[in-house]
């Protein structure tokens, strides 16, 4: 019994001394970003399974690190084409274009030439043009190109196609093509 009383007294003393210790205030650095970067989410405006044939749709691409992300441009059920072009509009305060990577669809039956970059001085408009140096073009479903960006600040931005155009194997414009964009969210980590 005497051991229990001593143990109780010893534990109570330690708790009392711990509560009385003076704690130093935590130092916080104002305005410093977390080294982990942003949480980046991209959502297409529709589902690849639900869109009809002759549709180009933006899909989430591979993760590239703390502040980088990629978006895949995927074609669904396209007829043989010899060239394609489109502009991609986004908010330049939220993201900036970094690089592109060829997709596998256009590489199957020829050697495509890619021209990808900002449209003139417009920071929020990316111009993409693909034509064939050699080969018979491409048809079917698959990734056309991957576009990679850097997140600049928290926010939300639509990524929308504009001026989409396809040329068929006879170098004539292909009608009735749909272009489906998406929405990007950039959230700051805490």
N, C-alpha and C. Protein backbone atom coordinates (compact mmCIF):
# COMPACT_ATOMS: atom_id res chain seq x y z
N UNK A 1 0.83 -1.19 0.00
CA UNK A 1 0.00 0.00 0.00
C UNK A 1 0.87 1.26 0.00
N UNK A 2 1.97 1.20 0.80
CA UNK A 2 2.87 2.33 0.90
C UNK A 2 3.52 2.63 -0.45
N UNK A 3 3.85 1.57 -1.25
CA UNK A 3 4.43 1.76 -2.59
C UNK A 3 3.45 2.43 -3.52
N UNK A 4 2.19 2.07 -3.41
CA UNK A 4 1.18 2.69 -4.28
C UNK A 4 1.02 4.18 -3.97
N UNK A 5 1.03 4.54 -2.73
CA UNK A 5 0.90 5.94 -2.34
C UNK A 5 2.10 6.73 -2.83
N UNK A 6 3.31 6.14 -2.67
CA UNK A 6 4.53 6.82 -3.15
C UNK A 6 4.50 6.96 -4.68
N UNK A 7 4.06 5.92 -5.38
CA UNK A 7 3.97 5.98 -6.84
C UNK A 7 3.00 7.06 -7.27
N UNK A 8 1.85 7.11 -6.59
CA UNK A 8 0.85 8.12 -6.91
C UNK A 8 1.40 9.52 -6.67
N UNK A 9 2.10 9.71 -5.56
CA UNK A 9 2.68 11.00 -5.22
C UNK A 9 3.75 11.41 -6.24
N UNK A 10 4.58 10.46 -6.67
CA UNK A 10 5.62 10.72 -7.65
C UNK A 10 5.02 11.11 -9.01
N UNK A 11 3.99 10.42 -9.46
CA UNK A 11 3.34 10.72 -10.74
C UNK A 11 2.67 12.09 -10.68
N UNK A 12 1.99 12.39 -9.57
CA UNK A 12 1.33 13.68 -9.42
C UNK A 12 2.34 14.82 -9.44
N UNK A 13 3.51 14.61 -8.82
CA UNK A 13 4.55 15.64 -8.79
C UNK A 13 5.09 15.89 -10.20
N UNK A 14 5.33 14.83 -10.96
CA UNK A 14 5.84 14.97 -12.33
C UNK A 14 4.84 15.71 -13.22
N UNK A 15 3.56 15.39 -13.07
CA UNK A 15 2.53 16.07 -13.86
C UNK A 15 2.49 17.55 -13.50
N UNK A 16 2.57 17.86 -12.22
CA UNK A 16 2.53 19.25 -11.75
C UNK A 16 3.73 20.03 -12.29
N UNK A 17 4.92 19.43 -12.22
CA UNK A 17 6.12 20.11 -12.70
C UNK A 17 6.07 20.32 -14.22
N UNK A 18 5.54 19.34 -14.95
CA UNK A 18 5.41 19.47 -16.41
C UNK A 18 4.47 20.58 -16.78
N UNK A 19 3.38 20.75 -16.04
CA UNK A 19 2.41 21.80 -16.33
C UNK A 19 2.95 23.18 -16.01
N UNK A 20 3.87 23.27 -15.08
CA UNK A 20 4.40 24.57 -14.67
C UNK A 20 5.56 25.05 -15.54
N UNK A 21 6.11 24.16 -16.35
CA UNK A 21 7.25 24.58 -17.18
C UNK A 21 6.82 25.66 -18.16
N UNK A 22 7.70 26.61 -18.38
CA UNK A 22 7.44 27.71 -19.29
C UNK A 22 7.76 27.26 -20.72
N UNK A 23 6.78 27.39 -21.63
CA UNK A 23 6.99 27.01 -23.03
C UNK A 23 7.36 28.23 -23.84
N UNK A 24 8.32 28.04 -24.77
CA UNK A 24 8.69 29.12 -25.68
C UNK A 24 7.67 29.20 -26.81
N UNK A 25 7.31 30.39 -27.21
CA UNK A 25 6.34 30.51 -28.31
C UNK A 25 6.95 29.96 -29.60
N UNK A 26 6.08 29.34 -30.42
CA UNK A 26 6.53 28.80 -31.70
C UNK A 26 6.82 29.94 -32.67
N UNK A 27 7.90 29.79 -33.41
CA UNK A 27 8.25 30.81 -34.39
C UNK A 27 7.63 30.44 -35.73
N UNK A 28 6.99 31.40 -36.34
CA UNK A 28 6.40 31.20 -37.66
C UNK A 28 6.99 32.21 -38.62
N UNK A 29 7.31 31.74 -39.82
CA UNK A 29 7.81 32.65 -40.84
C UNK A 29 6.65 33.03 -41.74
N UNK A 30 6.36 34.28 -41.82
CA UNK A 30 5.23 34.75 -42.62
C UNK A 30 5.56 34.69 -44.10
N UNK A 31 4.56 34.29 -44.88
CA UNK A 31 4.68 34.34 -46.33
C UNK A 31 5.55 33.27 -46.96
N UNK A 32 5.98 32.29 -46.21
CA UNK A 32 6.83 31.25 -46.78
C UNK A 32 5.96 30.09 -47.23
N UNK A 33 6.16 29.61 -48.44
CA UNK A 33 5.36 28.50 -48.97
C UNK A 33 5.88 27.19 -48.41
N UNK A 34 4.96 26.25 -48.27
CA UNK A 34 5.31 24.92 -47.81
C UNK A 34 6.12 24.23 -48.91
N UNK A 35 7.17 23.54 -48.53
CA UNK A 35 8.05 22.94 -49.53
C UNK A 35 7.36 21.84 -50.32
N UNK A 36 6.28 21.26 -49.79
CA UNK A 36 5.58 20.19 -50.50
C UNK A 36 4.84 20.70 -51.73
N UNK A 37 4.59 22.01 -51.81
CA UNK A 37 3.94 22.57 -52.98
C UNK A 37 2.44 22.60 -52.87
N UNK A 38 1.77 22.41 -54.02
CA UNK A 38 0.33 22.52 -54.10
C UNK A 38 -0.32 21.16 -54.28
N UNK A 39 -1.59 21.11 -53.96
CA UNK A 39 -2.41 19.96 -54.32
C UNK A 39 -3.11 20.35 -55.62
N UNK A 40 -2.90 19.56 -56.67
CA UNK A 40 -3.39 19.92 -58.00
C UNK A 40 -4.36 18.84 -58.47
N UNK A 41 -5.55 19.28 -58.87
CA UNK A 41 -6.56 18.34 -59.36
C UNK A 41 -7.11 18.87 -60.68
N UNK A 42 -7.24 17.95 -61.65
CA UNK A 42 -7.82 18.30 -62.94
C UNK A 42 -9.00 17.39 -63.21
N UNK A 43 -10.14 17.99 -63.58
CA UNK A 43 -11.35 17.22 -63.85
C UNK A 43 -11.85 17.55 -65.25
N UNK A 44 -12.01 16.53 -66.11
CA UNK A 44 -12.57 16.77 -67.44
C UNK A 44 -14.03 17.23 -67.33
N UNK A 45 -14.50 17.98 -68.31
CA UNK A 45 -15.89 18.43 -68.32
C UNK A 45 -16.86 17.31 -68.70
N UNK A 46 -16.36 16.17 -69.13
CA UNK A 46 -17.19 15.01 -69.47
C UNK A 46 -16.35 13.76 -69.28
N UNK A 47 -16.96 12.61 -69.48
CA UNK A 47 -16.26 11.33 -69.32
C UNK A 47 -15.87 10.78 -70.69
N UNK A 48 -14.69 10.22 -70.78
CA UNK A 48 -14.21 9.63 -72.04
C UNK A 48 -15.17 8.53 -72.51
N UNK A 49 -15.75 7.79 -71.57
CA UNK A 49 -16.67 6.71 -71.92
C UNK A 49 -17.98 7.24 -72.50
N UNK A 50 -18.38 8.45 -72.10
CA UNK A 50 -19.68 8.99 -72.51
C UNK A 50 -19.64 9.85 -73.77
N UNK A 51 -18.47 10.40 -74.10
CA UNK A 51 -18.42 11.27 -75.29
C UNK A 51 -18.52 10.41 -76.55
N UNK A 52 -19.12 10.97 -77.62
CA UNK A 52 -19.26 10.22 -78.87
C UNK A 52 -17.93 10.16 -79.63
N UNK A 53 -17.93 9.38 -80.71
CA UNK A 53 -16.76 9.33 -81.59
C UNK A 53 -16.52 10.72 -82.18
N UNK A 54 -15.35 10.92 -82.71
CA UNK A 54 -14.90 12.21 -83.27
C UNK A 54 -14.86 13.28 -82.18
N UNK A 55 -14.30 12.92 -81.03
CA UNK A 55 -14.19 13.86 -79.91
C UNK A 55 -12.75 13.90 -79.43
N UNK A 56 -12.28 15.11 -79.12
CA UNK A 56 -11.01 15.31 -78.43
C UNK A 56 -11.36 15.77 -77.02
N UNK A 57 -10.74 15.15 -76.01
CA UNK A 57 -11.09 15.44 -74.62
C UNK A 57 -9.82 15.55 -73.78
N UNK A 58 -9.82 16.49 -72.84
CA UNK A 58 -8.69 16.63 -71.91
C UNK A 58 -8.87 15.66 -70.76
N UNK A 59 -7.78 14.98 -70.40
CA UNK A 59 -7.77 14.02 -69.30
C UNK A 59 -6.60 14.33 -68.37
N UNK A 60 -6.70 13.95 -67.08
CA UNK A 60 -5.54 14.15 -66.19
C UNK A 60 -4.35 13.35 -66.70
N UNK A 61 -3.18 13.97 -66.72
CA UNK A 61 -1.98 13.30 -67.18
C UNK A 61 -1.13 12.85 -66.01
N UNK A 62 0.10 12.46 -66.27
CA UNK A 62 0.99 11.98 -65.21
C UNK A 62 1.35 13.09 -64.23
N UNK A 63 1.57 12.71 -62.98
CA UNK A 63 1.99 13.66 -61.93
C UNK A 63 3.48 13.92 -62.12
N UNK A 64 3.86 15.18 -62.03
CA UNK A 64 5.23 15.57 -62.33
C UNK A 64 6.01 16.14 -61.15
N UNK A 65 5.47 16.10 -59.95
CA UNK A 65 6.19 16.65 -58.81
C UNK A 65 5.37 17.69 -58.09
N UNK A 66 6.01 18.39 -57.16
CA UNK A 66 5.31 19.29 -56.24
C UNK A 66 4.45 20.33 -56.94
N UNK A 67 4.96 21.02 -57.92
CA UNK A 67 4.19 22.09 -58.53
C UNK A 67 3.99 21.93 -60.02
N UNK A 68 4.24 20.74 -60.54
CA UNK A 68 4.07 20.51 -61.97
C UNK A 68 2.97 19.48 -62.20
N UNK A 69 2.24 19.65 -63.30
CA UNK A 69 1.18 18.71 -63.66
C UNK A 69 1.08 18.64 -65.17
N UNK A 70 0.50 17.56 -65.65
CA UNK A 70 0.33 17.36 -67.09
C UNK A 70 -1.12 17.04 -67.41
N UNK A 71 -1.53 17.38 -68.62
CA UNK A 71 -2.86 17.10 -69.11
C UNK A 71 -2.71 16.37 -70.44
N UNK A 72 -3.42 15.25 -70.59
CA UNK A 72 -3.40 14.50 -71.84
C UNK A 72 -4.53 14.97 -72.75
N UNK A 73 -4.23 15.13 -74.04
CA UNK A 73 -5.24 15.37 -75.05
C UNK A 73 -5.50 14.01 -75.69
N UNK A 74 -6.73 13.51 -75.54
CA UNK A 74 -7.08 12.17 -76.01
C UNK A 74 -8.11 12.29 -77.12
N UNK A 75 -7.89 11.56 -78.21
CA UNK A 75 -8.85 11.49 -79.31
C UNK A 75 -9.68 10.22 -79.17
N UNK A 76 -10.96 10.34 -79.44
CA UNK A 76 -11.84 9.15 -79.39
C UNK A 76 -12.49 8.97 -80.76
N UNK A 77 -12.19 7.84 -81.37
CA UNK A 77 -12.84 7.44 -82.62
C UNK A 77 -12.68 8.42 -83.76
N UNK A 78 -11.47 8.93 -83.98
CA UNK A 78 -11.28 9.87 -85.09
C UNK A 78 -11.03 9.12 -86.39
N UNK A 79 -11.43 9.74 -87.50
CA UNK A 79 -11.18 9.20 -88.83
C UNK A 79 -9.72 9.48 -89.18
N UNK A 80 -9.19 8.84 -90.22
CA UNK A 80 -7.81 9.14 -90.60
C UNK A 80 -7.60 10.63 -90.81
N UNK A 81 -6.57 11.17 -90.19
CA UNK A 81 -6.29 12.59 -90.34
C UNK A 81 -4.85 12.81 -90.73
N UNK A 82 -4.63 13.94 -91.40
CA UNK A 82 -3.27 14.28 -91.84
C UNK A 82 -2.70 15.45 -91.05
N UNK A 83 -3.56 16.20 -90.35
CA UNK A 83 -3.10 17.33 -89.54
C UNK A 83 -4.19 17.71 -88.55
N UNK A 84 -3.78 18.32 -87.46
CA UNK A 84 -4.74 18.87 -86.50
C UNK A 84 -4.13 20.10 -85.88
N UNK A 85 -5.01 20.99 -85.43
CA UNK A 85 -4.56 22.19 -84.73
C UNK A 85 -5.66 22.63 -83.77
N UNK A 86 -5.23 23.25 -82.67
CA UNK A 86 -6.17 23.83 -81.71
C UNK A 86 -5.42 24.79 -80.81
N UNK A 87 -6.17 25.67 -80.17
CA UNK A 87 -5.65 26.53 -79.12
C UNK A 87 -6.21 26.01 -77.80
N UNK A 88 -5.44 26.14 -76.74
CA UNK A 88 -5.90 25.77 -75.41
C UNK A 88 -5.82 27.01 -74.54
N UNK A 89 -6.97 27.44 -74.02
CA UNK A 89 -7.04 28.65 -73.20
C UNK A 89 -7.06 28.28 -71.72
N UNK A 90 -6.33 29.06 -70.90
CA UNK A 90 -6.28 28.86 -69.45
C UNK A 90 -5.89 30.19 -68.80
N UNK A 91 -6.00 30.24 -67.48
CA UNK A 91 -5.66 31.46 -66.73
C UNK A 91 -4.15 31.50 -66.49
N UNK A 92 -3.41 32.46 -67.07
CA UNK A 92 -1.96 32.50 -66.91
C UNK A 92 -1.51 32.91 -65.50
N UNK A 93 -2.42 33.40 -64.67
CA UNK A 93 -2.06 33.72 -63.28
C UNK A 93 -2.00 32.45 -62.43
N UNK A 94 -2.67 31.39 -62.88
CA UNK A 94 -2.76 30.14 -62.11
C UNK A 94 -1.70 29.13 -62.57
N UNK A 95 -1.42 29.08 -63.88
CA UNK A 95 -0.49 28.07 -64.41
C UNK A 95 0.28 28.63 -65.59
N UNK A 96 1.46 28.06 -65.84
CA UNK A 96 2.25 28.43 -67.02
C UNK A 96 2.67 27.16 -67.75
N UNK A 97 2.67 27.24 -69.08
CA UNK A 97 3.06 26.10 -69.92
C UNK A 97 4.56 25.84 -69.78
N UNK A 98 4.94 24.54 -69.72
CA UNK A 98 6.34 24.15 -69.58
C UNK A 98 6.87 23.36 -70.79
N UNK A 99 6.15 22.28 -71.18
CA UNK A 99 6.64 21.43 -72.26
C UNK A 99 5.52 20.52 -72.78
N UNK A 100 5.80 19.83 -73.89
CA UNK A 100 4.87 18.83 -74.41
C UNK A 100 5.60 17.52 -74.60
N UNK A 101 4.80 16.45 -74.69
CA UNK A 101 5.33 15.12 -75.02
C UNK A 101 4.41 14.49 -76.06
N UNK A 102 4.97 13.90 -77.10
CA UNK A 102 4.12 13.26 -78.11
C UNK A 102 3.29 12.13 -77.50
N UNK A 103 2.07 11.97 -78.01
CA UNK A 103 1.25 10.84 -77.63
C UNK A 103 1.54 9.66 -78.56
N UNK A 104 0.92 8.53 -78.31
CA UNK A 104 1.22 7.36 -79.12
C UNK A 104 0.30 7.24 -80.35
N UNK A 105 -0.88 7.86 -80.33
CA UNK A 105 -1.83 7.68 -81.44
C UNK A 105 -1.26 8.17 -82.76
N UNK A 106 -0.71 9.36 -82.78
CA UNK A 106 -0.22 9.94 -84.03
C UNK A 106 1.11 9.33 -84.48
N UNK A 107 1.76 8.62 -83.60
CA UNK A 107 3.06 8.03 -83.91
C UNK A 107 2.94 6.66 -84.59
N UNK A 108 1.74 6.09 -84.63
CA UNK A 108 1.57 4.71 -85.11
C UNK A 108 1.84 4.52 -86.59
N UNK A 109 1.40 5.45 -87.43
CA UNK A 109 1.50 5.22 -88.88
C UNK A 109 2.18 6.37 -89.60
N UNK A 110 3.21 6.92 -89.00
CA UNK A 110 3.93 8.00 -89.67
C UNK A 110 4.80 8.76 -88.70
N UNK A 111 5.39 9.81 -89.22
CA UNK A 111 6.26 10.66 -88.42
C UNK A 111 5.64 12.05 -88.33
N UNK A 112 4.98 12.35 -87.20
CA UNK A 112 4.35 13.66 -87.06
C UNK A 112 5.34 14.74 -86.64
N UNK A 113 5.03 15.98 -87.02
CA UNK A 113 5.78 17.15 -86.59
C UNK A 113 4.89 17.93 -85.63
N UNK A 114 5.43 18.27 -84.46
CA UNK A 114 4.68 19.00 -83.44
C UNK A 114 5.17 20.44 -83.36
N UNK A 115 4.22 21.36 -83.31
CA UNK A 115 4.53 22.76 -83.04
C UNK A 115 3.64 23.17 -81.87
N UNK A 116 4.26 23.33 -80.70
CA UNK A 116 3.50 23.63 -79.49
C UNK A 116 4.17 24.79 -78.77
N UNK A 117 3.38 25.80 -78.42
CA UNK A 117 3.93 26.93 -77.68
C UNK A 117 2.88 28.01 -77.50
N UNK A 118 3.24 29.05 -76.73
CA UNK A 118 2.31 30.16 -76.53
C UNK A 118 1.92 30.79 -77.87
N UNK A 119 0.67 31.21 -77.97
CA UNK A 119 0.20 31.85 -79.20
C UNK A 119 0.55 33.32 -79.15
N UNK A 120 1.59 33.70 -79.87
CA UNK A 120 2.05 35.09 -79.87
C UNK A 120 2.47 35.52 -78.47
N UNK A 121 1.99 36.67 -78.07
CA UNK A 121 2.31 37.21 -76.74
C UNK A 121 1.24 36.86 -75.70
N UNK A 122 0.30 36.01 -76.07
CA UNK A 122 -0.80 35.66 -75.18
C UNK A 122 -0.38 34.54 -74.23
N UNK A 123 -0.13 34.89 -72.98
CA UNK A 123 0.37 33.91 -72.01
C UNK A 123 -0.66 32.84 -71.65
N UNK A 124 -1.92 33.13 -71.76
CA UNK A 124 -2.96 32.16 -71.40
C UNK A 124 -3.53 31.40 -72.58
N UNK A 125 -2.82 31.40 -73.69
CA UNK A 125 -3.29 30.68 -74.87
C UNK A 125 -2.14 29.87 -75.46
N UNK A 126 -2.33 28.57 -75.49
CA UNK A 126 -1.32 27.65 -76.02
C UNK A 126 -1.77 27.19 -77.40
N UNK A 127 -0.87 27.25 -78.37
CA UNK A 127 -1.17 26.84 -79.74
C UNK A 127 -0.53 25.48 -80.00
N UNK A 128 -1.32 24.54 -80.50
CA UNK A 128 -0.83 23.18 -80.80
C UNK A 128 -1.15 22.88 -82.25
N UNK A 129 -0.12 22.52 -83.02
CA UNK A 129 -0.29 22.11 -84.42
C UNK A 129 0.51 20.84 -84.65
N UNK A 130 -0.14 19.86 -85.28
CA UNK A 130 0.54 18.61 -85.60
C UNK A 130 0.24 18.28 -87.06
N UNK A 131 1.29 18.01 -87.82
CA UNK A 131 1.15 17.59 -89.21
C UNK A 131 2.12 16.43 -89.44
N UNK A 132 2.01 15.79 -90.58
CA UNK A 132 2.86 14.64 -90.85
C UNK A 132 3.98 14.97 -91.82
N UNK A 133 5.20 14.64 -91.39
CA UNK A 133 6.36 14.76 -92.27
C UNK A 133 6.34 13.60 -93.26
N UNK A 134 5.94 12.43 -92.76
CA UNK A 134 5.82 11.25 -93.61
C UNK A 134 4.82 10.30 -92.98
N UNK A 135 4.27 9.41 -93.78
CA UNK A 135 3.32 8.43 -93.29
C UNK A 135 1.91 8.74 -93.72
N UNK A 136 1.00 7.88 -93.30
CA UNK A 136 -0.39 7.99 -93.78
C UNK A 136 -1.35 8.60 -92.77
N UNK A 137 -0.88 9.11 -91.66
CA UNK A 137 -1.77 9.73 -90.68
C UNK A 137 -2.24 8.74 -89.64
N UNK A 138 -3.26 9.11 -88.89
CA UNK A 138 -3.72 8.28 -87.78
C UNK A 138 -5.23 8.27 -87.70
N UNK A 139 -5.76 7.20 -87.10
CA UNK A 139 -7.19 7.11 -86.82
C UNK A 139 -7.37 6.26 -85.57
N UNK A 140 -8.55 6.35 -84.98
CA UNK A 140 -8.84 5.53 -83.81
C UNK A 140 -8.95 6.34 -82.53
N UNK A 141 -8.58 5.68 -81.42
CA UNK A 141 -8.68 6.28 -80.09
C UNK A 141 -7.33 6.20 -79.40
N UNK A 142 -6.91 7.28 -78.74
CA UNK A 142 -5.66 7.27 -78.00
C UNK A 142 -5.14 8.66 -77.69
N UNK A 143 -4.03 8.68 -76.97
CA UNK A 143 -3.42 9.95 -76.56
C UNK A 143 -2.73 10.61 -77.76
N UNK A 144 -3.05 11.88 -77.97
CA UNK A 144 -2.48 12.66 -79.07
C UNK A 144 -1.22 13.38 -78.62
N UNK A 145 -1.30 14.05 -77.48
CA UNK A 145 -0.17 14.80 -76.95
C UNK A 145 -0.39 15.02 -75.45
N UNK A 146 0.70 15.15 -74.71
CA UNK A 146 0.64 15.48 -73.28
C UNK A 146 1.22 16.88 -73.12
N UNK A 147 0.48 17.75 -72.44
CA UNK A 147 0.89 19.14 -72.22
C UNK A 147 1.18 19.32 -70.73
N UNK A 148 2.39 19.80 -70.40
CA UNK A 148 2.80 19.94 -69.00
C UNK A 148 2.87 21.41 -68.59
N UNK A 149 2.45 21.67 -67.37
CA UNK A 149 2.35 23.03 -66.83
C UNK A 149 2.97 23.10 -65.45
N UNK A 150 3.20 24.33 -64.99
CA UNK A 150 3.66 24.59 -63.63
C UNK A 150 2.58 25.38 -62.92
N UNK A 151 2.20 24.94 -61.71
CA UNK A 151 1.24 25.67 -60.90
C UNK A 151 1.92 26.92 -60.33
N UNK A 152 1.29 28.08 -60.49
CA UNK A 152 1.87 29.34 -60.04
C UNK A 152 1.31 29.81 -58.71
N UNK A 153 0.01 29.64 -58.51
CA UNK A 153 -0.62 30.07 -57.26
C UNK A 153 -1.95 29.35 -57.12
N UNK A 154 -2.48 29.29 -55.89
CA UNK A 154 -3.77 28.64 -55.69
C UNK A 154 -4.85 29.34 -56.50
N UNK A 155 -5.77 28.54 -57.01
CA UNK A 155 -6.86 29.10 -57.79
C UNK A 155 -7.53 28.04 -58.62
N UNK A 156 -8.39 28.50 -59.51
CA UNK A 156 -9.16 27.61 -60.37
C UNK A 156 -9.13 28.17 -61.77
N UNK A 157 -9.02 27.30 -62.76
CA UNK A 157 -8.98 27.75 -64.14
C UNK A 157 -9.62 26.73 -65.06
N UNK A 158 -10.43 27.22 -65.99
CA UNK A 158 -10.92 26.36 -67.06
C UNK A 158 -9.79 26.15 -68.05
N UNK A 159 -9.70 24.97 -68.61
CA UNK A 159 -8.81 24.67 -69.72
C UNK A 159 -9.74 24.32 -70.87
N UNK A 160 -9.83 25.23 -71.86
CA UNK A 160 -10.82 25.07 -72.92
C UNK A 160 -10.17 25.11 -74.30
N UNK A 161 -10.67 24.23 -75.17
CA UNK A 161 -10.23 24.23 -76.56
C UNK A 161 -10.87 25.40 -77.31
N UNK A 162 -10.13 25.89 -78.29
CA UNK A 162 -10.64 26.93 -79.18
C UNK A 162 -10.00 26.71 -80.55
N UNK A 163 -10.72 27.03 -81.60
CA UNK A 163 -10.20 26.94 -82.98
C UNK A 163 -9.73 25.55 -83.36
N UNK A 164 -10.40 24.51 -82.87
CA UNK A 164 -10.02 23.14 -83.21
C UNK A 164 -10.31 22.83 -84.67
N UNK A 165 -9.33 22.23 -85.34
CA UNK A 165 -9.48 21.91 -86.76
C UNK A 165 -8.72 20.63 -87.10
N UNK A 166 -9.37 19.77 -87.86
CA UNK A 166 -8.75 18.53 -88.33
C UNK A 166 -8.75 18.52 -89.84
N UNK A 167 -7.67 18.00 -90.43
CA UNK A 167 -7.62 17.78 -91.87
C UNK A 167 -7.57 16.29 -92.12
N UNK A 168 -8.44 15.82 -93.00
CA UNK A 168 -8.48 14.40 -93.34
C UNK A 168 -7.36 14.02 -94.28
N UNK A 169 -7.40 12.77 -94.71
CA UNK A 169 -6.33 12.26 -95.58
C UNK A 169 -6.30 12.98 -96.93
N UNK A 170 -7.40 13.59 -97.34
CA UNK A 170 -7.45 14.35 -98.60
C UNK A 170 -7.15 15.83 -98.37
N UNK A 171 -6.64 16.19 -97.19
CA UNK A 171 -6.30 17.57 -96.81
C UNK A 171 -7.53 18.48 -96.77
N UNK A 172 -8.70 17.89 -96.54
CA UNK A 172 -9.94 18.65 -96.40
C UNK A 172 -10.35 18.68 -94.95
N UNK A 173 -11.01 19.79 -94.54
CA UNK A 173 -11.47 19.92 -93.16
C UNK A 173 -12.48 18.83 -92.83
N UNK A 174 -12.32 18.26 -91.64
CA UNK A 174 -13.24 17.23 -91.17
C UNK A 174 -14.28 17.89 -90.27
N UNK A 175 -15.56 17.77 -90.64
CA UNK A 175 -16.61 18.41 -89.84
C UNK A 175 -17.02 17.56 -88.64
N UNK A 176 -17.90 18.11 -87.82
CA UNK A 176 -18.56 17.39 -86.73
C UNK A 176 -17.60 16.80 -85.69
N UNK A 177 -16.58 17.55 -85.32
CA UNK A 177 -15.67 17.10 -84.27
C UNK A 177 -15.98 17.87 -83.00
N UNK A 178 -16.05 17.15 -81.88
CA UNK A 178 -16.30 17.80 -80.59
C UNK A 178 -14.99 17.96 -79.83
N UNK A 179 -14.91 19.02 -79.02
CA UNK A 179 -13.73 19.34 -78.23
C UNK A 179 -14.17 19.57 -76.79
N UNK A 180 -13.73 18.73 -75.85
CA UNK A 180 -14.19 18.79 -74.46
C UNK A 180 -13.04 19.18 -73.54
N UNK A 181 -13.18 20.31 -72.85
CA UNK A 181 -12.14 20.83 -71.96
C UNK A 181 -12.25 20.27 -70.55
N UNK A 182 -11.75 21.04 -69.59
CA UNK A 182 -11.77 20.59 -68.20
C UNK A 182 -11.53 21.75 -67.25
N UNK A 183 -11.48 21.42 -65.96
CA UNK A 183 -11.34 22.43 -64.91
C UNK A 183 -10.20 22.04 -63.99
N UNK A 184 -9.30 22.98 -63.73
CA UNK A 184 -8.13 22.77 -62.86
C UNK A 184 -8.36 23.47 -61.52
N UNK A 185 -8.03 22.75 -60.42
CA UNK A 185 -8.02 23.35 -59.08
C UNK A 185 -6.60 23.26 -58.55
N UNK A 186 -6.09 24.34 -58.02
CA UNK A 186 -4.79 24.34 -57.33
C UNK A 186 -5.05 24.79 -55.90
N UNK A 187 -4.74 23.92 -54.95
CA UNK A 187 -4.96 24.20 -53.54
C UNK A 187 -3.63 24.28 -52.82
N UNK A 188 -3.50 25.22 -51.90
CA UNK A 188 -2.26 25.34 -51.14
C UNK A 188 -2.27 24.35 -49.99
N UNK A 189 -1.16 23.67 -49.76
CA UNK A 189 -1.06 22.73 -48.65
C UNK A 189 -0.85 23.49 -47.36
N UNK A 190 -1.23 22.92 -46.27
CA UNK A 190 -1.08 23.55 -44.94
C UNK A 190 -0.14 22.72 -44.09
